[in-house]
């Protein structure tokens, strides 16, 4: 089988969440152009993640239908375990398979620490962290039975890199960090079954930036090739975070130092007291620049 064969999605069914615009629509279009039948899910929430408007996904699907692409709309909510399971069950009932899940749904919300609201925090976690877990759980038996599956979660450099954090994004960063932990575990659990799980950390000017039309730069189409690769049979290794922006891609993940025998020997600085830690802190906390 050639690379061209494994980059074809002919006969495959893919689910893209948050697909009414921006990145989700770009992912859906490219997947469909490569032969997939794409279920485009979106509840049409407002910029704060609340409310519904089914017209948004219906209009997005209509535009891709006009390009003779095989797509369909889904209005299923995925912010609960039962909702996510119902969506996957519906896809499996109607199409008999589900080959790839790209979880893109989410939003950006700013609340400084003294104003973080528990209900808003829980809703952020429900959509950005819990939803992909419940979608994966529901799809896992079918993917395991067919010996193939690709799952792509979304994280953010705003959570991964201290120099990119922004004030007010504690809930957002918590959810995006949780996504990385989920990827690491599911990648390990799926490896024996042909299920490959990775994350994307994308940057594009979309509705979350306040851009409704075509952006002047940082186009969603500059991210889509990397995500569609992660969703393809060509991608055979999980546990990576693909940073994607402006048509450039870099895959990263935490990698343990050589010789470590976790957890008993970290090959680290020895300290037996608080004073020892304080005196040697500069040796313990040494910034390391990732090589390029």
Protein backbone atom coordinates (compact mmCIF):
# COMPACT_ATOMS: atom_id res chain seq x y z
CA UNK A 1 0.00 0.00 0.00
CA UNK A 2 1.41 3.36 -1.04
CA UNK A 3 1.26 6.68 0.81
CA UNK A 4 -1.28 7.88 -1.74
CA UNK A 5 -3.48 4.91 -0.84
CA UNK A 6 -3.28 5.60 2.89
CA UNK A 7 -4.01 9.29 2.36
CA UNK A 8 -7.25 8.45 0.58
CA UNK A 9 -10.37 8.39 2.72
CA UNK A 10 -12.51 6.60 0.15
CA UNK A 11 -15.08 4.43 1.92
CA UNK A 12 -14.34 6.03 5.29
CA UNK A 13 -16.63 7.98 7.59
CA UNK A 14 -15.29 10.87 9.63
CA UNK A 15 -16.85 13.00 12.35
CA UNK A 16 -15.77 16.63 12.78
CA UNK A 17 -17.17 18.55 15.73
CA UNK A 18 -17.58 22.31 15.73
CA UNK A 19 -17.69 22.16 11.94
CA UNK A 20 -19.91 25.11 11.03
CA UNK A 21 -17.03 27.45 10.31
CA UNK A 22 -13.34 28.19 10.61
CA UNK A 23 -11.11 25.23 11.38
CA UNK A 24 -13.88 22.65 11.59
CA UNK A 25 -15.24 23.52 8.19
CA UNK A 26 -11.72 23.51 6.69
CA UNK A 27 -11.07 20.05 8.15
CA UNK A 28 -14.40 18.78 6.85
CA UNK A 29 -13.82 20.13 3.36
CA UNK A 30 -10.36 18.56 3.03
CA UNK A 31 -11.51 15.21 4.43
CA UNK A 32 -14.40 15.16 1.96
CA UNK A 33 -12.14 16.19 -0.92
CA UNK A 34 -10.00 13.17 -0.06
CA UNK A 35 -13.01 10.85 -0.31
CA UNK A 36 -14.44 10.66 3.20
CA UNK A 37 -18.09 10.99 4.04
CA UNK A 38 -18.01 13.65 6.75
CA UNK A 39 -20.54 14.11 9.52
CA UNK A 40 -20.26 17.79 10.41
CA UNK A 41 -21.47 18.38 13.97
CA UNK A 42 -22.24 21.80 15.39
CA UNK A 43 -24.99 23.05 17.69
CA UNK A 44 -24.49 26.62 16.53
CA UNK A 45 -23.51 28.00 19.91
CA UNK A 46 -22.79 31.67 20.43
CA UNK A 47 -19.27 32.98 21.01
CA UNK A 48 -19.59 32.26 24.74
CA UNK A 49 -20.45 28.60 24.11
CA UNK A 50 -24.14 28.96 24.97
CA UNK A 51 -27.30 28.64 22.92
CA UNK A 52 -28.01 26.85 19.66
CA UNK A 53 -28.57 27.83 16.05
CA UNK A 54 -28.99 24.88 13.65
CA UNK A 55 -28.80 27.19 10.65
CA UNK A 56 -25.03 27.58 11.04
CA UNK A 57 -24.20 23.94 10.35
CA UNK A 58 -26.98 23.57 7.78
CA UNK A 59 -25.56 26.47 5.79
CA UNK A 60 -22.00 25.14 6.04
CA UNK A 61 -23.12 21.73 4.79
CA UNK A 62 -25.10 23.31 1.95
CA UNK A 63 -21.97 25.16 0.78
CA UNK A 64 -19.96 21.95 0.67
CA UNK A 65 -22.82 20.08 -1.00
CA UNK A 66 -22.65 22.73 -3.72
CA UNK A 67 -19.07 21.60 -4.30
CA UNK A 68 -20.30 18.00 -4.72
CA UNK A 69 -18.72 16.90 -1.46
CA UNK A 70 -20.16 14.08 0.65
CA UNK A 71 -21.09 15.71 3.93
CA UNK A 72 -24.04 15.80 6.28
CA UNK A 73 -25.11 17.92 9.23
CA UNK A 74 -25.51 16.81 12.80
CA UNK A 75 -27.21 18.93 15.45
CA UNK A 76 -26.45 16.52 18.30
CA UNK A 77 -25.16 18.14 21.47
CA UNK A 78 -21.92 16.63 22.77
CA UNK A 79 -21.57 18.38 26.12
CA UNK A 80 -22.92 15.30 27.94
CA UNK A 81 -21.87 11.68 27.86
CA UNK A 82 -25.31 10.62 26.65
CA UNK A 83 -25.29 13.23 23.88
CA UNK A 84 -21.87 12.17 22.61
CA UNK A 85 -22.87 8.51 22.72
CA UNK A 86 -26.10 9.23 20.85
CA UNK A 87 -24.19 10.99 18.08
CA UNK A 88 -21.78 8.09 17.60
CA UNK A 89 -24.61 5.53 17.77
CA UNK A 90 -26.50 7.44 15.07
CA UNK A 91 -23.44 7.49 12.79
CA UNK A 92 -22.81 3.77 13.28
CA UNK A 93 -26.46 2.90 12.69
CA UNK A 94 -26.67 4.85 9.45
CA UNK A 95 -23.18 4.26 8.04
CA UNK A 96 -21.97 1.09 9.73
CA UNK A 97 -18.57 2.48 10.60
CA UNK A 98 -16.69 5.45 12.01
CA UNK A 99 -13.06 5.78 10.98
CA UNK A 100 -12.00 9.16 12.31
CA UNK A 101 -13.05 11.68 14.94
CA UNK A 102 -11.70 15.21 14.87
CA UNK A 103 -12.82 17.08 17.96
CA UNK A 104 -12.66 20.76 17.16
CA UNK A 105 -15.65 22.14 19.08
CA UNK A 106 -14.88 24.74 21.69
CA UNK A 107 -14.61 28.45 22.38
CA UNK A 108 -12.40 30.97 24.16
CA UNK A 109 -13.68 32.66 27.30
CA UNK A 110 -11.85 35.15 29.52
CA UNK A 111 -12.51 35.18 33.26
CA UNK A 112 -9.87 36.42 35.69
CA UNK A 113 -9.26 34.21 38.70
CA UNK A 114 -11.41 36.35 41.00
CA UNK A 115 -14.34 35.98 38.58
CA UNK A 116 -14.12 32.33 37.50
CA UNK A 117 -17.62 30.89 37.62
CA UNK A 118 -18.02 27.21 38.44
CA UNK A 119 -20.82 26.60 35.96
CA UNK A 120 -18.84 28.24 33.14
CA UNK A 121 -15.74 26.27 34.13
CA UNK A 122 -17.72 23.02 34.09
CA UNK A 123 -19.20 23.83 30.69
CA UNK A 124 -15.73 24.55 29.28
CA UNK A 125 -14.48 21.20 30.59
CA UNK A 126 -17.58 19.42 29.31
CA UNK A 127 -17.04 20.53 25.71
CA UNK A 128 -13.25 20.73 25.44
CA UNK A 129 -12.18 17.78 27.62
CA UNK A 130 -15.09 15.51 28.48
CA UNK A 131 -16.74 15.49 25.05
CA UNK A 132 -13.77 13.96 23.19
CA UNK A 133 -13.41 11.35 25.91
CA UNK A 134 -17.09 10.38 25.63
CA UNK A 135 -16.92 10.36 21.82
CA UNK A 136 -13.87 8.10 21.95
CA UNK A 137 -15.54 5.83 24.49
CA UNK A 138 -18.61 5.45 22.30
CA UNK A 139 -16.62 4.83 19.11
CA UNK A 140 -13.99 2.57 20.67
CA UNK A 141 -15.77 -0.79 20.26
CA UNK A 142 -16.47 -0.16 16.57
CA UNK A 143 -12.95 1.09 15.89
CA UNK A 144 -11.49 -1.85 17.77
CA UNK A 145 -13.65 -4.31 15.81
CA UNK A 146 -12.57 -2.84 12.48
CA UNK A 147 -8.92 -2.68 13.60
CA UNK A 148 -8.67 0.95 12.63
CA UNK A 149 -9.47 4.35 14.05
CA UNK A 150 -8.04 7.82 14.22
CA UNK A 151 -8.91 10.35 16.93
CA UNK A 152 -7.65 13.93 16.99
CA UNK A 153 -8.22 16.19 20.01
CA UNK A 154 -7.56 19.91 20.19
CA UNK A 155 -5.21 21.57 22.64
CA UNK A 156 -3.66 25.04 22.66
CA UNK A 157 -0.30 26.72 22.95
CA UNK A 158 -2.08 29.03 25.43
CA UNK A 159 -2.01 26.08 27.83
CA UNK A 160 1.22 24.41 26.80
CA UNK A 161 3.69 27.29 26.84
CA UNK A 162 3.99 29.78 29.74
CA UNK A 163 5.12 32.54 27.39
CA UNK A 164 1.84 32.30 25.45
CA UNK A 165 -0.63 32.27 28.34
CA UNK A 166 -3.17 35.06 28.58
CA UNK A 167 -4.81 36.44 31.68
CA UNK A 168 -8.31 35.12 32.18
CA UNK A 169 -7.85 31.79 30.42
CA UNK A 170 -7.55 29.50 33.45
CA UNK A 171 -10.63 27.43 32.52
CA UNK A 172 -9.65 27.29 28.87
CA UNK A 173 -6.07 26.27 29.69
CA UNK A 174 -7.27 23.62 32.15
CA UNK A 175 -9.49 22.03 29.51
CA UNK A 176 -6.80 22.14 26.82
CA UNK A 177 -4.24 20.64 29.21
CA UNK A 178 -6.69 17.88 30.09
CA UNK A 179 -6.95 17.06 26.40
CA UNK A 180 -3.22 16.31 26.31
CA UNK A 181 -3.52 13.88 29.21
CA UNK A 182 -6.41 12.13 27.50
CA UNK A 183 -4.40 11.82 24.29
CA UNK A 184 -1.44 10.26 26.11
CA UNK A 185 -3.60 7.59 27.74
CA UNK A 186 -5.82 6.81 24.75
CA UNK A 187 -2.79 6.60 22.46
CA UNK A 188 -1.40 3.87 24.72
CA UNK A 189 -4.74 2.06 25.04
CA UNK A 190 -5.42 2.20 21.32
CA UNK A 191 -2.03 1.15 19.97
CA UNK A 192 -2.74 -2.59 20.05
CA UNK A 193 -6.03 -2.11 18.21
CA UNK A 194 -4.97 0.11 15.34
CA UNK A 195 -6.48 3.18 17.01
CA UNK A 196 -4.14 6.15 16.78
CA UNK A 197 -4.80 9.18 18.98
CA UNK A 198 -3.08 12.56 18.68
CA UNK A 199 -3.72 16.24 19.37
CA UNK A 200 -3.50 19.39 17.31
CA UNK A 201 -2.62 22.81 18.68
CA UNK A 202 -3.88 25.10 15.91
CA UNK A 203 -3.74 28.82 15.29
CA UNK A 204 -6.07 30.41 12.76
CA UNK A 205 -8.14 33.56 12.52
CA UNK A 206 -11.72 32.38 12.96
CA UNK A 207 -14.92 33.44 14.68
CA UNK A 208 -13.10 33.03 18.00
CA UNK A 209 -10.88 35.91 16.88
CA UNK A 210 -13.93 37.93 15.95
CA UNK A 211 -13.36 37.17 12.26
CA UNK A 212 -16.54 36.05 10.50
CA UNK A 213 -15.42 36.19 6.87
CA UNK A 214 -12.19 35.32 5.09
CA UNK A 215 -9.21 36.27 7.30
CA UNK A 216 -6.35 38.38 6.02
CA UNK A 217 -3.81 35.86 7.35
CA UNK A 218 -3.57 32.69 9.47
CA UNK A 219 -6.11 30.89 7.34
CA UNK A 220 -7.78 27.70 8.64
CA UNK A 221 -6.70 26.02 5.41
CA UNK A 222 -3.12 26.41 6.64
CA UNK A 223 -3.90 24.03 9.51
CA UNK A 224 -6.13 21.47 7.77
CA UNK A 225 -3.44 19.37 5.99
CA UNK A 226 -1.81 18.47 9.31
CA UNK A 227 -5.08 17.51 10.94
CA UNK A 228 -6.19 15.42 7.98
CA UNK A 229 -2.83 13.64 8.05
CA UNK A 230 -3.41 12.78 11.73
CA UNK A 231 -6.82 11.37 10.73
CA UNK A 232 -5.36 9.23 7.94
CA UNK A 233 -4.03 5.70 7.76
CA UNK A 234 -0.61 7.15 6.98
CA UNK A 235 -0.36 8.40 10.56
CA UNK A 236 0.58 5.33 12.58
CA UNK A 237 2.04 6.83 15.76
CA UNK A 238 0.03 8.36 18.59
CA UNK A 239 0.70 10.61 21.53
CA UNK A 240 1.90 13.62 19.56
CA UNK A 241 0.85 17.27 19.70
CA UNK A 242 0.94 18.79 16.23
CA UNK A 243 1.46 22.53 16.42
CA UNK A 244 -0.08 23.97 13.29
CA UNK A 245 -0.18 27.56 12.06
CA UNK A 246 0.22 29.50 8.84
CA UNK A 247 0.98 26.41 6.77
CA UNK A 248 3.74 25.27 9.15
CA UNK A 249 3.76 22.21 11.39
CA UNK A 250 5.85 20.93 14.28
CA UNK A 251 5.10 17.82 16.32
CA UNK A 252 6.11 17.77 19.95
CA UNK A 253 5.64 15.76 23.14
CA UNK A 254 7.30 15.39 26.50
CA UNK A 255 10.09 12.83 26.29
CA UNK A 256 11.83 11.41 29.36
CA UNK A 257 15.58 11.75 29.74
CA UNK A 258 17.75 8.72 29.11
CA UNK A 259 18.65 6.57 32.08
CA UNK A 260 15.69 7.54 34.25
CA UNK A 261 14.19 4.67 36.24
CA UNK A 262 10.87 6.25 37.19
CA UNK A 263 9.92 6.85 39.94
CA UNK A 264 12.88 5.76 42.06
CA UNK A 265 15.70 7.35 40.10
CA UNK A 266 14.92 10.54 38.23
CA UNK A 267 18.62 11.16 37.48
CA UNK A 268 17.98 14.45 39.21
CA UNK A 269 19.41 16.72 41.90
CA UNK A 270 19.42 15.12 45.36
CA UNK A 271 18.01 17.15 48.25
CA UNK A 272 17.14 15.95 51.74
CA UNK A 273 15.82 19.18 53.23
CA UNK A 274 13.99 22.35 52.31
CA UNK A 275 17.31 24.15 52.58
CA UNK A 276 18.85 21.73 50.07
CA UNK A 277 16.04 22.42 47.62
CA UNK A 278 16.36 26.18 48.05
CA UNK A 279 20.12 26.11 47.65
CA UNK A 280 19.99 24.01 44.48
CA UNK A 281 16.85 25.43 42.88
CA UNK A 282 18.80 26.97 40.00
CA UNK A 283 20.18 23.53 39.17
CA UNK A 284 16.73 21.93 39.35
CA UNK A 285 14.82 24.55 37.37
CA UNK A 286 16.95 24.98 34.29
CA UNK A 287 15.06 26.24 31.23
CA UNK A 288 15.63 24.07 28.19
CA UNK A 289 14.88 25.40 24.74
CA UNK A 290 13.28 22.86 22.43
CA UNK A 291 15.59 22.23 19.44
CA UNK A 292 14.47 23.11 15.92
